[in-house]
C-alpha atoms as a PDB file:
ATOM      1  CA  UNK A   1      52.252  -8.640 237.268  1.00  0.00           C
ATOM      2  CA  UNK A   2      48.932  -8.410 235.461  1.00  0.00           C
ATOM      3  CA  UNK A   3      48.903  -9.901 231.975  1.00  0.00           C
ATOM      4  CA  UNK A   4      47.367  -7.675 229.299  1.00  0.00           C
ATOM      5  CA  UNK A   5      45.949  -9.551 226.334  1.00  0.00           C
ATOM      6  CA  UNK A   6      45.699  -7.574 223.110  1.00  0.00           C
ATOM      7  CA  UNK A   7      42.790  -8.225 220.777  1.00  0.00           C
ATOM      8  CA  UNK A   8      41.975  -7.101 217.295  1.00  0.00           C
ATOM      9  CA  UNK A   9      39.316  -4.689 218.567  1.00  0.00           C
ATOM     10  CA  UNK A  10      39.825  -1.179 217.210  1.00  0.00           C
ATOM     11  CA  UNK A  11      38.163   2.196 217.629  1.00  0.00           C
ATOM     12  CA  UNK A  12      38.574   4.950 215.047  1.00  0.00           C
ATOM     13  CA  UNK A  13      36.928   8.238 214.224  1.00  0.00           C
ATOM     14  CA  UNK A  14      37.349  11.960 213.901  1.00  0.00           C
ATOM     15  CA  UNK A  15      36.960  15.095 215.998  1.00  0.00           C
ATOM     16  CA  UNK A  16      35.270  18.183 214.583  1.00  0.00           C
ATOM     17  CA  UNK A  17      34.400  21.658 215.795  1.00  0.00           C
ATOM     18  CA  UNK A  18      30.651  21.561 216.516  1.00  0.00           C
ATOM     19  CA  UNK A  19      30.074  25.118 215.273  1.00  0.00           C
ATOM     20  CA  UNK A  20      32.043  24.937 212.021  1.00  0.00           C
ATOM     21  CA  UNK A  21      32.313  21.220 211.239  1.00  0.00           C
ATOM     22  CA  UNK A  22      36.071  21.725 210.779  1.00  0.00           C
ATOM     23  CA  UNK A  23      38.237  18.687 211.625  1.00  0.00           C
ATOM     24  CA  UNK A  24      40.467  19.335 214.653  1.00  0.00           C
ATOM     25  CA  UNK A  25      44.104  18.146 214.708  1.00  0.00           C
ATOM     26  CA  UNK A  26      46.036  17.567 217.937  1.00  0.00           C
ATOM     27  CA  UNK A  27      43.094  16.482 220.142  1.00  0.00           C
ATOM     28  CA  UNK A  28      43.919  13.768 222.682  1.00  0.00           C
ATOM     29  CA  UNK A  29      41.638  10.714 222.777  1.00  0.00           C
ATOM     30  CA  UNK A  30      41.893   8.462 225.859  1.00  0.00           C
ATOM     31  CA  UNK A  31      40.297   5.106 226.669  1.00  0.00           C
ATOM     32  CA  UNK A  32      39.183   5.873 230.226  1.00  0.00           C
ATOM     33  CA  UNK A  33      40.669   3.695 232.958  1.00  0.00           C
ATOM     34  CA  UNK A  34      43.697   2.825 230.811  1.00  0.00           C
ATOM     35  CA  UNK A  35      46.872   4.422 229.542  1.00  0.00           C
ATOM     36  CA  UNK A  36      45.734   3.810 225.953  1.00  0.00           C
ATOM     37  CA  UNK A  37      45.344   6.909 223.862  1.00  0.00           C
ATOM     38  CA  UNK A  38      45.973   8.676 220.615  1.00  0.00           C
ATOM     39  CA  UNK A  39      46.104  12.187 219.200  1.00  0.00           C
ATOM     40  CA  UNK A  40      44.138  13.257 216.148  1.00  0.00           C
ATOM     41  CA  UNK A  41      46.269  13.670 213.037  1.00  0.00           C
ATOM     42  CA  UNK A  42      46.426  16.715 210.748  1.00  0.00           C
ATOM     43  CA  UNK A  43      43.024  15.779 209.305  1.00  0.00           C
ATOM     44  CA  UNK A  44      41.361  15.337 212.738  1.00  0.00           C
ATOM     45  CA  UNK A  45      41.277  11.510 212.644  1.00  0.00           C
ATOM     46  CA  UNK A  46      42.445   8.981 215.258  1.00  0.00           C
ATOM     47  CA  UNK A  47      42.679   5.204 215.698  1.00  0.00           C
ATOM     48  CA  UNK A  48      43.116   2.992 218.753  1.00  0.00           C
ATOM     49  CA  UNK A  49      44.294  -0.486 217.708  1.00  0.00           C
ATOM     50  CA  UNK A  50      44.413  -3.919 219.345  1.00  0.00           C
ATOM     51  CA  UNK A  51      42.618  -2.840 222.485  1.00  0.00           C
ATOM     52  CA  UNK A  52      43.261  -5.117 225.476  1.00  0.00           C
ATOM     53  CA  UNK A  53      40.569  -7.562 226.489  1.00  0.00           C
ATOM     54  CA  UNK A  54      40.479  -6.066 230.008  1.00  0.00           C
ATOM     55  CA  UNK A  55      39.274  -2.727 228.630  1.00  0.00           C
ATOM     56  CA  UNK A  56      36.429  -4.405 226.750  1.00  0.00           C
ATOM     57  CA  UNK A  57      34.808  -6.362 229.606  1.00  0.00           C
ATOM     58  CA  UNK A  58      32.421  -3.573 230.519  1.00  0.00           C
ATOM     59  CA  UNK A  59      31.364  -0.374 228.850  1.00  0.00           C
ATOM     60  CA  UNK A  60      34.442   1.707 228.307  1.00  0.00           C
ATOM     61  CA  UNK A  61      34.491   5.464 227.968  1.00  0.00           C
ATOM     62  CA  UNK A  62      36.425   7.420 225.417  1.00  0.00           C
ATOM     63  CA  UNK A  63      37.084  11.050 226.068  1.00  0.00           C
ATOM     64  CA  UNK A  64      38.027  13.915 223.814  1.00  0.00           C
ATOM     65  CA  UNK A  65      38.603  16.795 226.210  1.00  0.00           C
ATOM     66  CA  UNK A  66      35.347  16.944 228.183  1.00  0.00           C
ATOM     67  CA  UNK A  67      33.179  15.066 225.663  1.00  0.00           C
ATOM     68  CA  UNK A  68      32.448  11.414 226.392  1.00  0.00           C
ATOM     69  CA  UNK A  69      31.266   8.547 224.229  1.00  0.00           C
ATOM     70  CA  UNK A  70      30.231   5.127 225.487  1.00  0.00           C
ATOM     71  CA  UNK A  71      31.773   2.195 223.710  1.00  0.00           C
ATOM     72  CA  UNK A  72      30.506  -1.352 224.081  1.00  0.00           C
ATOM     73  CA  UNK A  73      33.302  -2.660 221.888  1.00  0.00           C
ATOM     74  CA  UNK A  74      33.866  -6.401 221.644  1.00  0.00           C
ATOM     75  CA  UNK A  75      36.778  -8.629 220.769  1.00  0.00           C
ATOM     76  CA  UNK A  76      37.519  -8.720 217.034  1.00  0.00           C
ATOM     77  CA  UNK A  77      35.323  -5.720 216.288  1.00  0.00           C
ATOM     78  CA  UNK A  78      36.124  -2.336 214.785  1.00  0.00           C
ATOM     79  CA  UNK A  79      33.916   0.545 215.823  1.00  0.00           C
ATOM     80  CA  UNK A  80      33.683   4.178 214.703  1.00  0.00           C
ATOM     81  CA  UNK A  81      33.235   6.896 217.359  1.00  0.00           C
ATOM     82  CA  UNK A  82      33.221  10.545 216.317  1.00  0.00           C
ATOM     83  CA  UNK A  83      33.311  13.632 218.513  1.00  0.00           C
ATOM     84  CA  UNK A  84      31.991  17.180 218.138  1.00  0.00           C
ATOM     85  CA  UNK A  85      33.671  19.684 220.448  1.00  0.00           C
ATOM     86  CA  UNK A  86      32.443  23.125 221.470  1.00  0.00           C
ATOM     87  CA  UNK A  87      34.620  26.038 222.477  1.00  0.00           C
ATOM     88  CA  UNK A  88      34.282  27.023 226.152  1.00  0.00           C
END
């Protein structure tokens, strides 16, 4: 069994419609390569807390639908990552 060590690294932000700037509720945010995720609240904001050390060793990727952001998060650091989504 692999031990997962939580840290106090956090990622937070919001998701908006690129065309209108409107905040989007109900958008899934996933830390790629993990099962860690969140869904934006009614005001389009999300937060991922106490991210495991294993997910911070290399550049991680966050995804909101098909948009990607690189995160070089470190232990004991809080970072803001915002997304703008376009309609297909």
